[in-house]
C-alpha cells in the first residue's frame, strides 16, 4: 500500500459531531451524513461541494468500564463562515503534516489501510499527539457518503508529530 507524507493547511469545517461506542458508529454516522447533506445544500462559501471530511481522534477512555466513546465528525469545508445552519458546529483543524493512504476496494481494505498507516508511522518514529485529528477525505465523485457502499475509494490522513 502506498503511504505518502503530505502537509495540509488549516481547514475550517462545519458539520455534525457523532459520539458513540465503536459498535454504534456504523448506524449513527450514515444518519449524520444524510442530515449534513440536507443542511449544506445552500451553504455559502463551500470550498468544494463534492468534498467532505470525516474527522476523528482516538477514543476517550471510559471511567466506569463501559465501551470507549469515539467522536467522529461529518463535515464540509468552508472558506468563510458568516452564518451557519442550525445544528451545525464549526471545527477548526490546524495546519499539519499527515501520512496519507488511499483506501480502495471492499470493506476489508478499510482495516488494511489503517494498519498500513500505523505501521508506516511507527517505522518512521511518528506518534500523534493527544489532540491530533485524523481525516477521511471523501470526494463524492469517487465515494458515496451513505450506504449502500459498492466499494470504497477515499483518502485517510493520519496526523504526524
C-alpha atoms as a PDB file:
ATOM      1  CA  UNK A   1       0.000   0.000   0.000  1.00  0.00           C
ATOM      2  CA  UNK A   2       1.385   3.391  -0.985  1.00  0.00           C
ATOM      3  CA  UNK A   3       1.716   5.653   2.086  1.00  0.00           C
ATOM      4  CA  UNK A   4       2.829   9.207   1.423  1.00  0.00           C
ATOM      5  CA  UNK A   5       3.619  12.176   3.631  1.00  0.00           C
ATOM      6  CA  UNK A   6       1.852  15.492   2.939  1.00  0.00           C
ATOM      7  CA  UNK A   7       1.400  18.879   4.563  1.00  0.00           C
ATOM      8  CA  UNK A   8      -2.047  20.439   4.686  1.00  0.00           C
ATOM      9  CA  UNK A   9      -3.056  23.956   5.520  1.00  0.00           C
ATOM     10  CA  UNK A  10      -5.637  24.721   8.173  1.00  0.00           C
ATOM     11  CA  UNK A  11      -9.232  23.673   7.495  1.00  0.00           C
ATOM     12  CA  UNK A  12     -12.405  25.413   8.605  1.00  0.00           C
ATOM     13  CA  UNK A  13     -15.078  22.742   8.674  1.00  0.00           C
ATOM     14  CA  UNK A  14     -18.762  22.796   9.544  1.00  0.00           C
ATOM     15  CA  UNK A  15     -20.639  19.680  10.458  1.00  0.00           C
ATOM     16  CA  UNK A  16     -22.160  17.342  12.962  1.00  0.00           C
ATOM     17  CA  UNK A  17     -20.253  15.522  15.709  1.00  0.00           C
ATOM     18  CA  UNK A  18     -21.237  11.924  16.444  1.00  0.00           C
ATOM     19  CA  UNK A  19     -20.134  10.497  19.797  1.00  0.00           C
ATOM     20  CA  UNK A  20     -20.803   6.803  20.376  1.00  0.00           C
ATOM     21  CA  UNK A  21     -19.238   3.435  21.206  1.00  0.00           C
ATOM     22  CA  UNK A  22     -17.496   1.948  18.153  1.00  0.00           C
ATOM     23  CA  UNK A  23     -20.229  -0.636  17.526  1.00  0.00           C
ATOM     24  CA  UNK A  24     -22.851   2.143  17.128  1.00  0.00           C
ATOM     25  CA  UNK A  25     -20.899   4.279  14.655  1.00  0.00           C
ATOM     26  CA  UNK A  26     -21.933   2.115  11.690  1.00  0.00           C
ATOM     27  CA  UNK A  27     -25.550   3.210  12.188  1.00  0.00           C
ATOM     28  CA  UNK A  28     -25.136   6.715  13.552  1.00  0.00           C
ATOM     29  CA  UNK A  29     -22.538   8.070  11.106  1.00  0.00           C
ATOM     30  CA  UNK A  30     -24.568   7.401   7.899  1.00  0.00           C
ATOM     31  CA  UNK A  31     -27.549   9.092   9.556  1.00  0.00           C
ATOM     32  CA  UNK A  32     -25.375  12.130  10.356  1.00  0.00           C
ATOM     33  CA  UNK A  33     -24.117  12.215   6.738  1.00  0.00           C
ATOM     34  CA  UNK A  34     -27.727  12.286   5.478  1.00  0.00           C
ATOM     35  CA  UNK A  35     -28.544  15.129   7.866  1.00  0.00           C
ATOM     36  CA  UNK A  36     -25.445  17.097   6.826  1.00  0.00           C
ATOM     37  CA  UNK A  37     -26.152  16.647   3.113  1.00  0.00           C
ATOM     38  CA  UNK A  38     -29.623  18.170   3.616  1.00  0.00           C
ATOM     39  CA  UNK A  39     -28.324  21.104   5.632  1.00  0.00           C
ATOM     40  CA  UNK A  40     -25.427  22.154   3.393  1.00  0.00           C
ATOM     41  CA  UNK A  41     -27.262  22.269   0.058  1.00  0.00           C
ATOM     42  CA  UNK A  42     -27.351  26.074   0.112  1.00  0.00           C
ATOM     43  CA  UNK A  43     -24.462  26.733   2.492  1.00  0.00           C
ATOM     44  CA  UNK A  44     -22.400  29.619   1.074  1.00  0.00           C
ATOM     45  CA  UNK A  45     -18.608  29.616   0.835  1.00  0.00           C
ATOM     46  CA  UNK A  46     -18.150  25.855   0.494  1.00  0.00           C
ATOM     47  CA  UNK A  47     -14.668  25.188  -0.823  1.00  0.00           C
ATOM     48  CA  UNK A  48     -15.673  22.174  -2.952  1.00  0.00           C
ATOM     49  CA  UNK A  49     -19.295  20.941  -2.842  1.00  0.00           C
ATOM     50  CA  UNK A  50     -18.141  17.437  -3.838  1.00  0.00           C
ATOM     51  CA  UNK A  51     -15.632  17.010  -0.986  1.00  0.00           C
ATOM     52  CA  UNK A  52     -16.462  16.080   2.603  1.00  0.00           C
ATOM     53  CA  UNK A  53     -14.371  15.147   5.627  1.00  0.00           C
ATOM     54  CA  UNK A  54     -14.842  12.617   8.364  1.00  0.00           C
ATOM     55  CA  UNK A  55     -12.796  13.850  11.319  1.00  0.00           C
ATOM     56  CA  UNK A  56     -11.783  11.665  14.259  1.00  0.00           C
ATOM     57  CA  UNK A  57      -9.441  11.259  17.190  1.00  0.00           C
ATOM     58  CA  UNK A  58      -8.588   8.303  19.334  1.00  0.00           C
ATOM     59  CA  UNK A  59     -11.401   7.227  21.664  1.00  0.00           C
ATOM     60  CA  UNK A  60     -11.907   8.770  25.062  1.00  0.00           C
ATOM     61  CA  UNK A  61     -11.232   6.215  27.793  1.00  0.00           C
ATOM     62  CA  UNK A  62     -14.199   5.051  29.773  1.00  0.00           C
ATOM     63  CA  UNK A  63     -14.218   5.746  33.508  1.00  0.00           C
ATOM     64  CA  UNK A  64     -16.659   3.032  34.517  1.00  0.00           C
ATOM     65  CA  UNK A  65     -15.625   0.077  32.370  1.00  0.00           C
ATOM     66  CA  UNK A  66     -18.181   0.858  29.657  1.00  0.00           C
ATOM     67  CA  UNK A  67     -17.244   0.914  25.992  1.00  0.00           C
ATOM     68  CA  UNK A  68     -14.891   3.711  24.966  1.00  0.00           C
ATOM     69  CA  UNK A  69     -16.584   6.615  23.218  1.00  0.00           C
ATOM     70  CA  UNK A  70     -15.455   7.614  19.755  1.00  0.00           C
ATOM     71  CA  UNK A  71     -16.035  11.076  18.328  1.00  0.00           C
ATOM     72  CA  UNK A  72     -16.463  11.258  14.567  1.00  0.00           C
ATOM     73  CA  UNK A  73     -17.383  14.490  12.814  1.00  0.00           C
ATOM     74  CA  UNK A  74     -19.160  14.558   9.431  1.00  0.00           C
ATOM     75  CA  UNK A  75     -18.136  17.839   7.810  1.00  0.00           C
ATOM     76  CA  UNK A  76     -17.642  20.004   4.756  1.00  0.00           C
ATOM     77  CA  UNK A  77     -15.024  22.715   4.274  1.00  0.00           C
ATOM     78  CA  UNK A  78     -15.889  26.413   4.058  1.00  0.00           C
ATOM     79  CA  UNK A  79     -13.686  29.379   3.152  1.00  0.00           C
ATOM     80  CA  UNK A  80     -15.695  31.816   5.280  1.00  0.00           C
ATOM     81  CA  UNK A  81     -18.500  31.494   7.754  1.00  0.00           C
ATOM     82  CA  UNK A  82     -20.891  34.419   8.129  1.00  0.00           C
ATOM     83  CA  UNK A  83     -23.826  32.271   9.255  1.00  0.00           C
ATOM     84  CA  UNK A  84     -24.339  28.564   9.655  1.00  0.00           C
ATOM     85  CA  UNK A  85     -27.459  26.439   9.572  1.00  0.00           C
ATOM     86  CA  UNK A  86     -28.885  25.476  12.964  1.00  0.00           C
ATOM     87  CA  UNK A  87     -27.474  22.219  14.281  1.00  0.00           C
ATOM     88  CA  UNK A  88     -24.108  22.520  12.550  1.00  0.00           C
ATOM     89  CA  UNK A  89     -20.950  23.216  14.521  1.00  0.00           C
ATOM     90  CA  UNK A  90     -17.612  24.667  13.492  1.00  0.00           C
ATOM     91  CA  UNK A  91     -14.425  22.621  13.730  1.00  0.00           C
ATOM     92  CA  UNK A  92     -11.045  24.225  13.031  1.00  0.00           C
ATOM     93  CA  UNK A  93      -8.287  21.798  12.083  1.00  0.00           C
ATOM     94  CA  UNK A  94      -4.804  23.346  12.307  1.00  0.00           C
ATOM     95  CA  UNK A  95      -2.203  23.010   9.579  1.00  0.00           C
ATOM     96  CA  UNK A  96      -0.028  19.921   9.995  1.00  0.00           C
ATOM     97  CA  UNK A  97       1.723  17.006   8.355  1.00  0.00           C
ATOM     98  CA  UNK A  98      -0.049  13.723   7.683  1.00  0.00           C
ATOM     99  CA  UNK A  99       0.651  10.233   6.479  1.00  0.00           C
ATOM    100  CA  UNK A 100      -1.902   9.527   3.737  1.00  0.00           C
ATOM    101  CA  UNK A 101      -3.152   6.358   2.134  1.00  0.00           C
ATOM    102  CA  UNK A 102      -5.972   5.786  -0.337  1.00  0.00           C
ATOM    103  CA  UNK A 103      -8.450   3.143   0.760  1.00  0.00           C
ATOM    104  CA  UNK A 104      -9.716   1.375  -2.366  1.00  0.00           C
ATOM    105  CA  UNK A 105     -11.700  -1.817  -2.694  1.00  0.00           C
ATOM    106  CA  UNK A 106     -14.027  -3.820  -0.490  1.00  0.00           C
ATOM    107  CA  UNK A 107     -14.689  -3.459   3.240  1.00  0.00           C
ATOM    108  CA  UNK A 108     -11.556  -5.469   4.090  1.00  0.00           C
ATOM    109  CA  UNK A 109      -9.429  -2.615   2.697  1.00  0.00           C
ATOM    110  CA  UNK A 110     -10.516  -0.245   5.482  1.00  0.00           C
ATOM    111  CA  UNK A 111      -8.699  -2.065   8.285  1.00  0.00           C
ATOM    112  CA  UNK A 112      -5.764  -2.831   5.983  1.00  0.00           C
ATOM    113  CA  UNK A 113      -5.434   0.872   5.139  1.00  0.00           C
ATOM    114  CA  UNK A 114      -5.395   1.930   8.784  1.00  0.00           C
ATOM    115  CA  UNK A 115      -2.891  -0.798   9.648  1.00  0.00           C
ATOM    116  CA  UNK A 116      -0.624   0.337   6.807  1.00  0.00           C
ATOM    117  CA  UNK A 117      -0.730   3.909   8.152  1.00  0.00           C
ATOM    118  CA  UNK A 118       0.043   2.740  11.690  1.00  0.00           C
ATOM    119  CA  UNK A 119       2.951   0.554  10.552  1.00  0.00           C
ATOM    120  CA  UNK A 120       4.410   3.286   8.335  1.00  0.00           C
ATOM    121  CA  UNK A 121       4.094   5.931  11.070  1.00  0.00           C
ATOM    122  CA  UNK A 122       5.667   3.661  13.691  1.00  0.00           C
ATOM    123  CA  UNK A 123       8.544   2.740  11.385  1.00  0.00           C
ATOM    124  CA  UNK A 124       9.285   6.461  10.909  1.00  0.00           C
ATOM    125  CA  UNK A 125       9.010   7.224  14.636  1.00  0.00           C
ATOM    126  CA  UNK A 126       5.867   9.361  14.359  1.00  0.00           C
ATOM    127  CA  UNK A 127       3.185   9.437  17.042  1.00  0.00           C
ATOM    128  CA  UNK A 128       0.049  11.584  17.037  1.00  0.00           C
ATOM    129  CA  UNK A 129      -0.424  13.980  19.917  1.00  0.00           C
ATOM    130  CA  UNK A 130      -3.446  13.607  22.193  1.00  0.00           C
ATOM    131  CA  UNK A 131      -5.330  16.419  20.450  1.00  0.00           C
ATOM    132  CA  UNK A 132      -4.389  15.422  16.885  1.00  0.00           C
ATOM    133  CA  UNK A 133      -7.286  14.918  14.490  1.00  0.00           C
ATOM    134  CA  UNK A 134      -7.280  12.330  11.723  1.00  0.00           C
ATOM    135  CA  UNK A 135      -9.181  12.899   8.493  1.00  0.00           C
ATOM    136  CA  UNK A 136     -11.051  10.807   5.989  1.00  0.00           C
ATOM    137  CA  UNK A 137     -11.416  12.817   2.768  1.00  0.00           C
ATOM    138  CA  UNK A 138     -14.399  11.805   0.664  1.00  0.00           C
ATOM    139  CA  UNK A 139     -14.819  13.060  -2.882  1.00  0.00           C
ATOM    140  CA  UNK A 140     -18.373  12.140  -3.874  1.00  0.00           C
ATOM    141  CA  UNK A 141     -17.218  11.647  -7.463  1.00  0.00           C
ATOM    142  CA  UNK A 142     -15.235   8.639  -6.108  1.00  0.00           C
ATOM    143  CA  UNK A 143     -17.061   7.538  -2.949  1.00  0.00           C
ATOM    144  CA  UNK A 144     -20.646   7.646  -1.689  1.00  0.00           C
ATOM    145  CA  UNK A 145     -21.190   9.096   1.784  1.00  0.00           C
ATOM    146  CA  UNK A 146     -24.169   6.901   2.651  1.00  0.00           C
ATOM    147  CA  UNK A 147     -24.947   3.203   2.204  1.00  0.00           C
ATOM    148  CA  UNK A 148     -25.125   1.103   0.175  1.00  0.00           C
ATOM    149  CA  UNK A 149     -21.389   1.093  -0.471  1.00  0.00           C
ATOM    150  CA  UNK A 150     -20.460  -0.806  -3.623  1.00  0.00           C
ATOM    151  CA  UNK A 151     -16.763  -0.260  -2.973  1.00  0.00           C
ATOM    152  CA  UNK A 152     -14.523   2.229  -1.195  1.00  0.00           C
ATOM    153  CA  UNK A 153     -12.302   4.940  -2.637  1.00  0.00           C
ATOM    154  CA  UNK A 154     -11.280   7.668  -0.188  1.00  0.00           C
ATOM    155  CA  UNK A 155      -8.144   9.084   1.439  1.00  0.00           C
ATOM    156  CA  UNK A 156      -7.180   8.610   5.095  1.00  0.00           C
ATOM    157  CA  UNK A 157      -4.936  11.223   6.754  1.00  0.00           C
ATOM    158  CA  UNK A 158      -3.106  10.205   9.932  1.00  0.00           C
ATOM    159  CA  UNK A 159      -1.596  13.171  11.837  1.00  0.00           C
ATOM    160  CA  UNK A 160       2.176  13.121  12.337  1.00  0.00           C
ATOM    161  CA  UNK A 161       4.236  14.596  15.157  1.00  0.00           C
END
